Amino acid sequence: MTKIMHTQTVLTVEEIEALKKKTGESSTKDALSKAVAHYLECEYTQVEDMWAKKLEKVVSRKTHN
């Protein structure tokens, strides 16, 4: 059985609106849920230098084509 925990955080209105726009969600709850799910699944969140790893992947794809 999955345990559920209610959590809270403080964000600016501008941050919430930007998150809604970026996730394509209209509700704050759905936007936050989608963002957290993405963060937990994203392969780059565990990498120390995320941008270098992304660039390395792009360069690798370009050189193999």
C-alpha atoms as a PDB file:
ATOM      1  CA  MET A   1       0.000   0.000   0.000  1.00  0.00           C
ATOM      2  CA  THR A   2       1.305   3.447  -0.915  1.00  0.00           C
ATOM      3  CA  LYS A   3       1.528   6.005   1.834  1.00  0.00           C
ATOM      4  CA  ILE A   4       0.517   9.560   0.969  1.00  0.00           C
ATOM      5  CA  MET A   5       1.898  12.636   2.665  1.00  0.00           C
ATOM      6  CA  HIS A   6       0.502  16.150   2.381  1.00  0.00           C
ATOM      7  CA  THR A   7       3.303  18.695   1.897  1.00  0.00           C
ATOM      8  CA  GLN A   8       3.504  22.451   1.587  1.00  0.00           C
ATOM      9  CA  THR A   9       5.964  24.957   0.203  1.00  0.00           C
ATOM     10  CA  VAL A  10       6.076  28.681  -0.404  1.00  0.00           C
ATOM     11  CA  LEU A  11       6.406  29.864  -4.009  1.00  0.00           C
ATOM     12  CA  THR A  12       5.785  33.203  -5.672  1.00  0.00           C
ATOM     13  CA  VAL A  13       2.764  33.679  -7.883  1.00  0.00           C
ATOM     14  CA  GLU A  14       5.153  34.178 -10.792  1.00  0.00           C
ATOM     15  CA  GLU A  15       6.835  30.820 -10.104  1.00  0.00           C
ATOM     16  CA  ILE A  16       3.491  29.017  -9.969  1.00  0.00           C
ATOM     17  CA  GLU A  17       2.279  30.648 -13.176  1.00  0.00           C
ATOM     18  CA  ALA A  18       5.552  29.774 -14.940  1.00  0.00           C
ATOM     19  CA  LEU A  19       5.270  26.177 -13.729  1.00  0.00           C
ATOM     20  CA  LYS A  20       1.673  25.925 -14.949  1.00  0.00           C
ATOM     21  CA  LYS A  21       2.691  27.272 -18.350  1.00  0.00           C
ATOM     22  CA  LYS A  22       5.708  24.976 -18.646  1.00  0.00           C
ATOM     23  CA  THR A  23       3.784  21.850 -17.589  1.00  0.00           C
ATOM     24  CA  GLY A  24       0.660  22.727 -19.574  1.00  0.00           C
ATOM     25  CA  GLU A  25      -1.506  22.296 -16.481  1.00  0.00           C
ATOM     26  CA  SER A  26      -4.162  24.752 -15.324  1.00  0.00           C
ATOM     27  CA  SER A  27      -4.195  23.820 -11.641  1.00  0.00           C
ATOM     28  CA  THR A  28      -1.343  24.377  -9.203  1.00  0.00           C
ATOM     29  CA  LYS A  29      -1.740  20.874  -7.783  1.00  0.00           C
ATOM     30  CA  ASP A  30      -1.442  19.209 -11.182  1.00  0.00           C
ATOM     31  CA  ALA A  31       1.482  21.410 -12.244  1.00  0.00           C
ATOM     32  CA  LEU A  32       3.403  20.605  -9.062  1.00  0.00           C
ATOM     33  CA  SER A  33       2.619  16.912  -9.346  1.00  0.00           C
ATOM     34  CA  LYS A  34       3.792  16.787 -12.956  1.00  0.00           C
ATOM     35  CA  ALA A  35       6.981  18.723 -12.146  1.00  0.00           C
ATOM     36  CA  VAL A  36       7.875  16.460  -9.223  1.00  0.00           C
ATOM     37  CA  ALA A  37       7.206  13.321 -11.270  1.00  0.00           C
ATOM     38  CA  HIS A  38       9.426  14.648 -14.062  1.00  0.00           C
ATOM     39  CA  TYR A  39      12.199  15.544 -11.628  1.00  0.00           C
ATOM     40  CA  LEU A  40      12.168  12.076 -10.092  1.00  0.00           C
ATOM     41  CA  GLU A  41      12.226  10.345 -13.495  1.00  0.00           C
ATOM     42  CA  CYS A  42      14.677  12.653 -15.303  1.00  0.00           C
ATOM     43  CA  GLU A  43      18.067  11.063 -15.923  1.00  0.00           C
ATOM     44  CA  TYR A  44      19.828  14.414 -15.497  1.00  0.00           C
ATOM     45  CA  THR A  45      18.768  15.137 -11.906  1.00  0.00           C
ATOM     46  CA  GLN A  46      21.395  12.739 -10.531  1.00  0.00           C
ATOM     47  CA  VAL A  47      24.203  14.164 -12.685  1.00  0.00           C
ATOM     48  CA  GLU A  48      26.556  16.635 -11.029  1.00  0.00           C
ATOM     49  CA  ASP A  49      26.924  18.833 -14.137  1.00  0.00           C
ATOM     50  CA  MET A  50      23.572  18.449 -15.893  1.00  0.00           C
ATOM     51  CA  TRP A  51      24.314  20.869 -18.751  1.00  0.00           C
ATOM     52  CA  ALA A  52      27.634  19.228 -19.620  1.00  0.00           C
ATOM     53  CA  LYS A  53      25.941  15.807 -19.690  1.00  0.00           C
ATOM     54  CA  LYS A  54      23.157  17.092 -21.965  1.00  0.00           C
ATOM     55  CA  LEU A  55      25.691  18.721 -24.311  1.00  0.00           C
ATOM     56  CA  GLU A  56      27.728  15.513 -24.376  1.00  0.00           C
ATOM     57  CA  LYS A  57      24.629  13.559 -25.402  1.00  0.00           C
ATOM     58  CA  VAL A  58      23.781  16.023 -28.212  1.00  0.00           C
ATOM     59  CA  VAL A  59      27.345  15.994 -29.547  1.00  0.00           C
ATOM     60  CA  SER A  60      27.371  12.191 -29.417  1.00  0.00           C
ATOM     61  CA  ARG A  61      24.153  12.022 -31.464  1.00  0.00           C
ATOM     62  CA  LYS A  62      25.499  14.512 -34.038  1.00  0.00           C
ATOM     63  CA  THR A  63      28.791  12.632 -34.517  1.00  0.00           C
ATOM     64  CA  HIS A  64      27.080   9.244 -34.940  1.00  0.00           C
ATOM     65  CA  ASN A  65      24.714  10.482 -37.703  1.00  0.00           C
END
